[in-house]
């Protein structure tokens, strides 16, 4: 089991956040950039395609 630990700040640890363009109604646009992975899951007599897509404003870790 994973036990989270208290974060100890360090002056050299800097997180860089990229700016996000937000419209007047506080909505930002997301669109796909690249397909990272593709597979087909077989369930009994039905096959379901699974696609991992990289979207704008996300890293490959946050791809869905």
C-alpha atoms as a PDB file:
ATOM      1  CA  UNK A   1       0.000   0.000   0.000  1.00  0.00           C
ATOM      2  CA  UNK A   2       1.310   3.448  -0.917  1.00  0.00           C
ATOM      3  CA  UNK A   3       1.610   5.962   1.918  1.00  0.00           C
ATOM      4  CA  UNK A   4       1.941   9.555   0.719  1.00  0.00           C
ATOM      5  CA  UNK A   5       4.635  11.594   2.411  1.00  0.00           C
ATOM      6  CA  UNK A   6       4.694  15.248   3.336  1.00  0.00           C
ATOM      7  CA  UNK A   7       6.210  17.436   0.604  1.00  0.00           C
ATOM      8  CA  UNK A   8       9.356  19.227   1.728  1.00  0.00           C
ATOM      9  CA  UNK A   9       9.861  22.310  -0.459  1.00  0.00           C
ATOM     10  CA  UNK A  10      13.237  22.804  -2.125  1.00  0.00           C
ATOM     11  CA  UNK A  11      14.310  26.043  -3.880  1.00  0.00           C
ATOM     12  CA  UNK A  12      15.616  24.130  -6.929  1.00  0.00           C
ATOM     13  CA  UNK A  13      12.320  22.309  -7.477  1.00  0.00           C
ATOM     14  CA  UNK A  14      10.372  24.574  -9.810  1.00  0.00           C
ATOM     15  CA  UNK A  15       7.167  23.522 -11.559  1.00  0.00           C
ATOM     16  CA  UNK A  16       6.641  25.305 -14.858  1.00  0.00           C
ATOM     17  CA  UNK A  17       2.995  25.684 -15.852  1.00  0.00           C
ATOM     18  CA  UNK A  18       2.130  26.585 -19.417  1.00  0.00           C
ATOM     19  CA  UNK A  19      -0.517  29.290 -19.841  1.00  0.00           C
ATOM     20  CA  UNK A  20      -4.006  28.219 -20.913  1.00  0.00           C
ATOM     21  CA  UNK A  21      -6.182  30.430 -23.105  1.00  0.00           C
ATOM     22  CA  UNK A  22      -9.534  30.846 -21.339  1.00  0.00           C
ATOM     23  CA  UNK A  23     -12.546  32.395 -23.050  1.00  0.00           C
ATOM     24  CA  UNK A  24     -15.079  34.825 -21.575  1.00  0.00           C
ATOM     25  CA  UNK A  25     -17.304  31.986 -20.389  1.00  0.00           C
ATOM     26  CA  UNK A  26     -14.303  30.302 -18.620  1.00  0.00           C
ATOM     27  CA  UNK A  27     -14.054  27.450 -21.131  1.00  0.00           C
ATOM     28  CA  UNK A  28     -10.913  26.390 -22.958  1.00  0.00           C
ATOM     29  CA  UNK A  29     -10.749  24.326 -26.114  1.00  0.00           C
ATOM     30  CA  UNK A  30      -9.230  20.849 -26.128  1.00  0.00           C
ATOM     31  CA  UNK A  31      -8.385  19.055 -29.326  1.00  0.00           C
ATOM     32  CA  UNK A  32      -6.389  15.924 -30.155  1.00  0.00           C
ATOM     33  CA  UNK A  33      -2.799  16.268 -31.320  1.00  0.00           C
ATOM     34  CA  UNK A  34      -1.541  12.714 -31.754  1.00  0.00           C
ATOM     35  CA  UNK A  35      -2.614   9.076 -31.343  1.00  0.00           C
ATOM     36  CA  UNK A  36      -0.174   7.444 -28.916  1.00  0.00           C
ATOM     37  CA  UNK A  37      -1.468   3.884 -28.760  1.00  0.00           C
ATOM     38  CA  UNK A  38      -4.134   1.707 -30.385  1.00  0.00           C
ATOM     39  CA  UNK A  39      -5.367  -1.733 -29.341  1.00  0.00           C
ATOM     40  CA  UNK A  40      -8.464  -3.907 -29.654  1.00  0.00           C
ATOM     41  CA  UNK A  41      -9.969  -5.547 -26.585  1.00  0.00           C
ATOM     42  CA  UNK A  42     -11.814  -8.771 -27.297  1.00  0.00           C
ATOM     43  CA  UNK A  43     -14.803  -9.580 -25.055  1.00  0.00           C
ATOM     44  CA  UNK A  44     -16.540 -12.861 -25.857  1.00  0.00           C
ATOM     45  CA  UNK A  45     -18.129 -12.048 -29.239  1.00  0.00           C
ATOM     46  CA  UNK A  46     -17.553  -8.296 -29.209  1.00  0.00           C
ATOM     47  CA  UNK A  47     -14.387  -6.350 -30.005  1.00  0.00           C
ATOM     48  CA  UNK A  48     -13.829  -2.820 -28.693  1.00  0.00           C
ATOM     49  CA  UNK A  49     -11.138  -0.516 -30.099  1.00  0.00           C
ATOM     50  CA  UNK A  50      -9.110   1.394 -27.485  1.00  0.00           C
ATOM     51  CA  UNK A  51      -7.237   4.530 -28.553  1.00  0.00           C
ATOM     52  CA  UNK A  52      -4.884   6.590 -26.373  1.00  0.00           C
ATOM     53  CA  UNK A  53      -4.954  10.200 -27.576  1.00  0.00           C
ATOM     54  CA  UNK A  54      -2.635  13.063 -26.652  1.00  0.00           C
ATOM     55  CA  UNK A  55      -4.566  16.306 -26.319  1.00  0.00           C
ATOM     56  CA  UNK A  56      -3.389  19.899 -26.282  1.00  0.00           C
ATOM     57  CA  UNK A  57      -2.382  21.220 -22.792  1.00  0.00           C
ATOM     58  CA  UNK A  58      -1.565  17.668 -21.549  1.00  0.00           C
ATOM     59  CA  UNK A  59       1.628  15.627 -21.293  1.00  0.00           C
ATOM     60  CA  UNK A  60       1.879  12.041 -22.471  1.00  0.00           C
ATOM     61  CA  UNK A  61       1.343  10.978 -18.838  1.00  0.00           C
ATOM     62  CA  UNK A  62      -2.089  12.636 -18.823  1.00  0.00           C
ATOM     63  CA  UNK A  63      -3.182  11.216 -22.194  1.00  0.00           C
ATOM     64  CA  UNK A  64      -6.526   9.420 -22.269  1.00  0.00           C
END
